[in-house]
Amino acid sequence: MKYLMVILFLAPLLMPFSRVHAASFTVSPKVCVISNVQDFCDLDLTFEWQGDVVGDVCIYEQSKKIHCWQQQRAGEFNYKARVQVETIYSLINSESGVLIAKAQVEVQSTHVQKSRRRLRSPWSFF
């Protein structure tokens, strides 16, 4: 029993590569403003990330792979995107498939629906 406790205590120390390492991951701009004229916006996005270990990572837009790095600890990438709805970008370890970090672009609309209140009843003559 004593040896089992020692093994359970040391196991996480002996497997440092199996743990998920923290990383910072940002996208800018973070907001897309849709006008009345069009229902999408074209953005020049800038992604920046930095991890605490060297590795192979990729950025995904929803489930579509858009850029990868090999054996890097940090990276920057510019991307032209057409955004219509809130979009989530993920930084994923390409070897293990583990999600490292997420960032999102929010969508806001300038279109304000005007509601009119009827002052008279529909059957009124005046």
N, C-alpha and C. Protein backbone atom coordinates (compact mmCIF):
# COMPACT_ATOMS: atom_id res chain seq x y z
N MET A 1 0.83 -1.19 0.00
CA MET A 1 0.00 0.00 0.00
C MET A 1 0.88 1.25 0.00
N LYS A 2 1.98 1.20 0.74
CA LYS A 2 2.88 2.34 0.82
C LYS A 2 3.47 2.67 -0.55
N TYR A 3 3.84 1.63 -1.35
CA TYR A 3 4.41 1.84 -2.67
C TYR A 3 3.37 2.39 -3.66
N LEU A 4 2.14 1.96 -3.50
CA LEU A 4 1.07 2.44 -4.36
C LEU A 4 0.85 3.94 -4.15
N MET A 5 0.92 4.41 -2.91
CA MET A 5 0.75 5.83 -2.63
C MET A 5 1.89 6.64 -3.22
N VAL A 6 3.11 6.12 -3.16
CA VAL A 6 4.26 6.81 -3.72
C VAL A 6 4.13 6.91 -5.24
N ILE A 7 3.69 5.84 -5.89
CA ILE A 7 3.51 5.84 -7.34
C ILE A 7 2.43 6.83 -7.74
N LEU A 8 1.32 6.85 -7.02
CA LEU A 8 0.25 7.79 -7.33
C LEU A 8 0.70 9.24 -7.13
N PHE A 9 1.57 9.46 -6.16
CA PHE A 9 2.07 10.81 -5.91
C PHE A 9 3.06 11.25 -6.99
N LEU A 10 3.91 10.34 -7.44
CA LEU A 10 4.94 10.67 -8.42
C LEU A 10 4.46 10.62 -9.86
N ALA A 11 3.37 9.96 -10.15
CA ALA A 11 2.90 9.80 -11.53
C ALA A 11 2.73 11.14 -12.25
N PRO A 12 2.09 12.16 -11.66
CA PRO A 12 1.96 13.43 -12.38
C PRO A 12 3.31 14.10 -12.66
N LEU A 13 4.30 13.88 -11.81
CA LEU A 13 5.62 14.48 -12.01
C LEU A 13 6.39 13.79 -13.13
N LEU A 14 6.12 12.51 -13.35
CA LEU A 14 6.83 11.75 -14.36
C LEU A 14 6.22 11.92 -15.76
N MET A 15 5.00 12.50 -15.86
CA MET A 15 4.33 12.67 -17.14
C MET A 15 4.02 14.14 -17.40
N PRO A 16 5.03 15.01 -17.52
CA PRO A 16 4.74 16.43 -17.69
C PRO A 16 4.12 16.77 -19.03
N PHE A 17 4.33 15.96 -20.07
CA PHE A 17 3.82 16.29 -21.40
C PHE A 17 2.36 15.93 -21.57
N SER A 18 1.79 15.17 -20.67
CA SER A 18 0.39 14.80 -20.81
C SER A 18 -0.54 15.87 -20.25
N ARG A 19 0.00 16.79 -19.48
CA ARG A 19 -0.83 17.84 -18.92
C ARG A 19 -1.08 18.94 -19.93
N VAL A 20 -2.20 19.61 -19.78
CA VAL A 20 -2.51 20.74 -20.65
C VAL A 20 -1.81 21.96 -20.08
N HIS A 21 -1.04 22.63 -20.92
CA HIS A 21 -0.30 23.80 -20.48
C HIS A 21 -1.08 25.06 -20.80
N ALA A 22 -0.94 26.05 -19.96
CA ALA A 22 -1.67 27.30 -20.12
C ALA A 22 -1.07 28.12 -21.25
N ALA A 23 -1.93 28.88 -21.90
CA ALA A 23 -1.47 29.76 -22.97
C ALA A 23 -2.37 30.98 -23.01
N SER A 24 -1.81 32.10 -23.46
CA SER A 24 -2.64 33.27 -23.70
C SER A 24 -2.95 33.29 -25.20
N PHE A 25 -4.19 33.64 -25.54
CA PHE A 25 -4.65 33.62 -26.92
C PHE A 25 -5.64 34.76 -27.09
N THR A 26 -5.31 35.71 -27.98
CA THR A 26 -6.19 36.86 -28.19
C THR A 26 -6.47 37.06 -29.66
N VAL A 27 -7.62 37.65 -29.93
CA VAL A 27 -8.00 38.05 -31.28
C VAL A 27 -8.44 39.50 -31.21
N SER A 28 -8.07 40.28 -32.23
CA SER A 28 -8.55 41.65 -32.28
C SER A 28 -8.85 42.00 -33.73
N PRO A 29 -9.90 42.72 -34.00
CA PRO A 29 -10.88 43.24 -33.05
C PRO A 29 -11.77 42.12 -32.51
N LYS A 30 -12.40 42.40 -31.39
CA LYS A 30 -13.25 41.41 -30.72
C LYS A 30 -14.72 41.57 -31.07
N VAL A 31 -15.06 42.68 -31.74
CA VAL A 31 -16.47 42.96 -32.04
C VAL A 31 -16.63 43.32 -33.52
N CYS A 32 -17.67 42.78 -34.11
CA CYS A 32 -18.06 43.09 -35.49
C CYS A 32 -19.41 43.81 -35.42
N VAL A 33 -19.50 44.98 -36.05
CA VAL A 33 -20.75 45.74 -36.03
C VAL A 33 -21.38 45.65 -37.42
N ILE A 34 -22.58 45.08 -37.46
CA ILE A 34 -23.31 44.90 -38.71
C ILE A 34 -24.26 46.07 -38.88
N SER A 35 -24.27 46.66 -40.08
CA SER A 35 -25.14 47.80 -40.34
C SER A 35 -26.44 47.35 -41.00
N ASN A 36 -27.31 48.32 -41.27
CA ASN A 36 -28.58 48.02 -41.93
C ASN A 36 -28.37 47.60 -43.38
N VAL A 37 -27.30 48.06 -44.00
CA VAL A 37 -27.06 47.83 -45.43
C VAL A 37 -26.66 46.38 -45.71
N GLN A 38 -25.81 45.80 -44.88
CA GLN A 38 -25.36 44.43 -45.09
C GLN A 38 -25.45 43.62 -43.80
N ASP A 39 -25.60 42.31 -43.95
CA ASP A 39 -25.76 41.46 -42.78
C ASP A 39 -24.48 40.72 -42.40
N PHE A 40 -23.34 41.26 -42.78
CA PHE A 40 -22.04 40.70 -42.43
C PHE A 40 -21.03 41.83 -42.34
N CYS A 41 -19.86 41.53 -41.82
CA CYS A 41 -18.76 42.50 -41.87
C CYS A 41 -17.47 41.77 -42.21
N ASP A 42 -16.64 42.43 -42.97
CA ASP A 42 -15.32 41.90 -43.32
C ASP A 42 -14.31 42.48 -42.34
N LEU A 43 -13.56 41.60 -41.68
CA LEU A 43 -12.61 42.02 -40.66
C LEU A 43 -11.21 41.55 -41.00
N ASP A 44 -10.23 42.36 -40.65
CA ASP A 44 -8.83 41.95 -40.67
C ASP A 44 -8.48 41.58 -39.23
N LEU A 45 -8.52 40.29 -38.95
CA LEU A 45 -8.27 39.81 -37.58
C LEU A 45 -6.78 39.59 -37.36
N THR A 46 -6.35 39.87 -36.13
CA THR A 46 -4.98 39.59 -35.71
C THR A 46 -5.05 38.65 -34.52
N PHE A 47 -4.42 37.49 -34.65
CA PHE A 47 -4.34 36.52 -33.57
C PHE A 47 -2.95 36.58 -32.96
N GLU A 48 -2.88 36.53 -31.64
CA GLU A 48 -1.61 36.42 -30.94
C GLU A 48 -1.75 35.36 -29.87
N TRP A 49 -0.74 34.54 -29.75
CA TRP A 49 -0.75 33.52 -28.71
C TRP A 49 0.65 33.33 -28.15
N GLN A 50 0.68 32.86 -26.92
CA GLN A 50 1.95 32.56 -26.27
C GLN A 50 1.71 31.44 -25.27
N GLY A 51 2.53 30.41 -25.34
CA GLY A 51 2.41 29.27 -24.45
C GLY A 51 3.62 29.16 -23.54
N ASP A 52 3.53 28.24 -22.60
CA ASP A 52 4.66 28.05 -21.69
C ASP A 52 5.58 26.91 -22.11
N VAL A 53 5.20 26.18 -23.17
CA VAL A 53 6.06 25.12 -23.70
C VAL A 53 6.06 25.19 -25.23
N VAL A 54 7.11 24.67 -25.84
CA VAL A 54 7.20 24.60 -27.30
C VAL A 54 6.31 23.47 -27.78
N GLY A 55 5.58 23.72 -28.88
CA GLY A 55 4.71 22.67 -29.40
C GLY A 55 4.17 23.00 -30.78
N ASP A 56 3.39 22.07 -31.32
CA ASP A 56 2.72 22.23 -32.60
C ASP A 56 1.27 22.63 -32.31
N VAL A 57 0.86 23.81 -32.77
CA VAL A 57 -0.49 24.29 -32.50
C VAL A 57 -1.14 24.81 -33.78
N CYS A 58 -2.47 24.79 -33.80
CA CYS A 58 -3.23 25.30 -34.94
C CYS A 58 -4.38 26.16 -34.43
N ILE A 59 -4.76 27.16 -35.26
CA ILE A 59 -5.94 27.97 -34.98
C ILE A 59 -7.07 27.44 -35.85
N TYR A 60 -8.23 27.27 -35.22
CA TYR A 60 -9.43 26.82 -35.92
C TYR A 60 -10.50 27.90 -35.81
N GLU A 61 -11.22 28.10 -36.93
CA GLU A 61 -12.41 28.95 -36.95
C GLU A 61 -13.58 27.97 -36.96
N GLN A 62 -14.30 27.92 -35.82
CA GLN A 62 -15.31 26.88 -35.60
C GLN A 62 -14.58 25.54 -35.78
N SER A 63 -14.82 24.78 -36.85
CA SER A 63 -14.12 23.50 -37.04
C SER A 63 -13.16 23.52 -38.23
N LYS A 64 -12.95 24.70 -38.83
CA LYS A 64 -12.08 24.84 -39.99
C LYS A 64 -10.68 25.30 -39.56
N LYS A 65 -9.66 24.53 -39.95
CA LYS A 65 -8.27 24.88 -39.64
C LYS A 65 -7.85 26.04 -40.51
N ILE A 66 -7.30 27.13 -39.88
CA ILE A 66 -6.90 28.29 -40.68
C ILE A 66 -5.40 28.57 -40.66
N HIS A 67 -4.68 28.12 -39.62
CA HIS A 67 -3.22 28.33 -39.61
C HIS A 67 -2.59 27.45 -38.53
N CYS A 68 -1.34 26.98 -38.82
CA CYS A 68 -0.61 26.13 -37.87
C CYS A 68 0.83 26.62 -37.69
N TRP A 69 1.41 26.28 -36.55
CA TRP A 69 2.82 26.52 -36.26
C TRP A 69 3.44 25.20 -35.81
N GLN A 70 4.71 25.00 -36.15
CA GLN A 70 5.44 23.81 -35.75
C GLN A 70 6.53 24.19 -34.76
N GLN A 71 6.55 23.53 -33.63
CA GLN A 71 7.58 23.71 -32.61
C GLN A 71 7.80 25.18 -32.26
N GLN A 72 6.73 25.84 -31.88
CA GLN A 72 6.79 27.25 -31.49
C GLN A 72 6.25 27.43 -30.09
N ARG A 73 6.68 28.50 -29.44
CA ARG A 73 6.18 28.86 -28.11
C ARG A 73 5.23 30.05 -28.19
N ALA A 74 5.27 30.78 -29.33
CA ALA A 74 4.42 31.96 -29.51
C ALA A 74 4.22 32.19 -31.00
N GLY A 75 3.18 32.96 -31.33
CA GLY A 75 2.94 33.25 -32.73
C GLY A 75 1.95 34.38 -32.93
N GLU A 76 1.96 34.91 -34.15
CA GLU A 76 1.04 35.97 -34.54
C GLU A 76 0.59 35.66 -35.96
N PHE A 77 -0.68 35.95 -36.25
CA PHE A 77 -1.23 35.63 -37.56
C PHE A 77 -2.32 36.62 -37.91
N ASN A 78 -2.31 37.12 -39.16
CA ASN A 78 -3.35 38.02 -39.66
C ASN A 78 -4.26 37.23 -40.59
N TYR A 79 -5.57 37.48 -40.48
CA TYR A 79 -6.56 36.69 -41.22
C TYR A 79 -7.74 37.56 -41.61
N LYS A 80 -8.16 37.48 -42.87
CA LYS A 80 -9.34 38.20 -43.34
C LYS A 80 -10.54 37.28 -43.16
N ALA A 81 -11.54 37.78 -42.42
CA ALA A 81 -12.72 36.97 -42.13
C ALA A 81 -13.98 37.73 -42.47
N ARG A 82 -14.98 37.01 -42.94
CA ARG A 82 -16.32 37.55 -43.15
C ARG A 82 -17.18 36.98 -42.02
N VAL A 83 -17.64 37.85 -41.16
CA VAL A 83 -18.34 37.42 -39.95
C VAL A 83 -19.81 37.83 -40.02
N GLN A 84 -20.70 36.87 -39.73
CA GLN A 84 -22.13 37.14 -39.69
C GLN A 84 -22.72 36.87 -38.32
N VAL A 85 -22.17 35.90 -37.63
CA VAL A 85 -22.63 35.51 -36.30
C VAL A 85 -21.42 35.42 -35.37
N GLU A 86 -21.68 35.34 -34.08
CA GLU A 86 -20.58 35.19 -33.12
C GLU A 86 -19.73 33.99 -33.53
N THR A 87 -18.43 34.20 -33.63
CA THR A 87 -17.51 33.18 -34.13
C THR A 87 -16.47 32.86 -33.07
N ILE A 88 -16.25 31.58 -32.84
CA ILE A 88 -15.27 31.13 -31.84
C ILE A 88 -14.03 30.62 -32.56
N TYR A 89 -12.88 31.11 -32.11
CA TYR A 89 -11.59 30.67 -32.63
C TYR A 89 -10.89 29.88 -31.53
N SER A 90 -10.32 28.74 -31.89
CA SER A 90 -9.70 27.84 -30.92
C SER A 90 -8.23 27.63 -31.25
N LEU A 91 -7.41 27.58 -30.22
CA LEU A 91 -6.00 27.23 -30.34
C LEU A 91 -5.88 25.79 -29.84
N ILE A 92 -5.48 24.88 -30.73
CA ILE A 92 -5.50 23.45 -30.43
C ILE A 92 -4.12 22.85 -30.67
N ASN A 93 -3.71 21.97 -29.75
CA ASN A 93 -2.47 21.21 -29.93
C ASN A 93 -2.70 20.24 -31.07
N SER A 94 -1.94 20.37 -32.16
CA SER A 94 -2.19 19.55 -33.35
C SER A 94 -1.76 18.10 -33.18
N GLU A 95 -0.91 17.81 -32.21
CA GLU A 95 -0.50 16.42 -31.98
C GLU A 95 -1.53 15.65 -31.17
N SER A 96 -2.03 16.28 -30.10
CA SER A 96 -2.95 15.58 -29.20
C SER A 96 -4.41 15.94 -29.44
N GLY A 97 -4.68 17.05 -30.14
CA GLY A 97 -6.06 17.48 -30.34
C GLY A 97 -6.66 18.17 -29.14
N VAL A 98 -5.83 18.51 -28.15
CA VAL A 98 -6.31 19.13 -26.92
C VAL A 98 -6.51 20.63 -27.13
N LEU A 99 -7.65 21.14 -26.68
CA LEU A 99 -7.94 22.57 -26.73
C LEU A 99 -7.05 23.29 -25.73
N ILE A 100 -6.32 24.28 -26.21
CA ILE A 100 -5.42 25.05 -25.33
C ILE A 100 -6.10 26.32 -24.86
N ALA A 101 -6.75 27.05 -25.80
CA ALA A 101 -7.41 28.31 -25.43
C ALA A 101 -8.45 28.65 -26.50
N LYS A 102 -9.36 29.58 -26.14
CA LYS A 102 -10.40 30.03 -27.06
C LYS A 102 -10.49 31.54 -27.04
N ALA A 103 -10.93 32.11 -28.16
CA ALA A 103 -11.22 33.55 -28.26
C ALA A 103 -12.44 33.67 -29.18
N GLN A 104 -13.19 34.76 -29.03
CA GLN A 104 -14.37 34.91 -29.87
C GLN A 104 -14.51 36.32 -30.40
N VAL A 105 -15.21 36.40 -31.53
CA VAL A 105 -15.56 37.68 -32.13
C VAL A 105 -17.07 37.80 -32.00
N GLU A 106 -17.52 38.84 -31.31
CA GLU A 106 -18.95 39.05 -31.10
C GLU A 106 -19.53 39.87 -32.25
N VAL A 107 -20.82 39.71 -32.48
CA VAL A 107 -21.52 40.45 -33.53
C VAL A 107 -22.56 41.34 -32.88
N GLN A 108 -22.53 42.61 -33.27
CA GLN A 108 -23.54 43.57 -32.80
C GLN A 108 -24.17 44.22 -34.02
N SER A 109 -25.43 44.58 -33.90
CA SER A 109 -26.15 45.17 -35.02
C SER A 109 -26.55 46.61 -34.70
N THR A 110 -26.45 47.46 -35.72
CA THR A 110 -26.91 48.85 -35.55
C THR A 110 -28.37 48.97 -35.93
N HIS A 111 -28.94 47.89 -36.49
CA HIS A 111 -30.34 47.91 -36.92
C HIS A 111 -31.25 47.88 -35.68
N VAL A 112 -32.06 48.92 -35.56
CA VAL A 112 -33.00 49.00 -34.45
C VAL A 112 -34.40 48.91 -35.04
N GLN A 113 -35.14 47.94 -34.58
CA GLN A 113 -36.50 47.80 -35.07
C GLN A 113 -37.38 48.85 -34.42
N LYS A 114 -38.05 49.60 -35.27
CA LYS A 114 -38.94 50.62 -34.75
C LYS A 114 -40.33 50.01 -34.57
N SER A 115 -40.86 50.19 -33.42
CA SER A 115 -42.21 49.72 -33.19
C SER A 115 -43.13 50.93 -33.09
N ARG A 116 -44.18 50.88 -33.85
CA ARG A 116 -45.12 51.99 -33.85
C ARG A 116 -46.36 51.57 -33.09
N ARG A 117 -46.81 52.47 -32.28
CA ARG A 117 -48.04 52.21 -31.54
C ARG A 117 -49.18 52.90 -32.25
N ARG A 118 -50.21 52.17 -32.50
CA ARG A 118 -51.38 52.71 -33.18
C ARG A 118 -52.13 53.61 -32.20
N LEU A 119 -52.40 54.83 -32.65
CA LEU A 119 -53.10 55.78 -31.79
C LEU A 119 -54.61 55.61 -31.84
N ARG A 120 -55.12 55.12 -32.94
CA ARG A 120 -56.57 54.92 -33.07
C ARG A 120 -56.86 53.47 -33.31
N SER A 121 -58.05 53.09 -33.08
CA SER A 121 -58.50 51.75 -33.41
C SER A 121 -58.58 51.60 -34.91
N PRO A 122 -58.37 50.41 -35.44
CA PRO A 122 -58.42 50.23 -36.90
C PRO A 122 -59.79 50.53 -37.50
N TRP A 123 -60.84 50.50 -36.71
CA TRP A 123 -62.18 50.72 -37.26
C TRP A 123 -62.61 52.19 -37.16
N SER A 124 -61.78 53.04 -36.57
CA SER A 124 -62.16 54.44 -36.37
C SER A 124 -62.12 55.22 -37.68
N PHE A 125 -63.06 56.12 -37.86
CA PHE A 125 -63.11 56.96 -39.04
C PHE A 125 -62.30 58.25 -38.85
N PHE A 126 -61.96 58.60 -37.66
CA PHE A 126 -61.27 59.86 -37.38
C PHE A 126 -59.90 59.63 -36.84
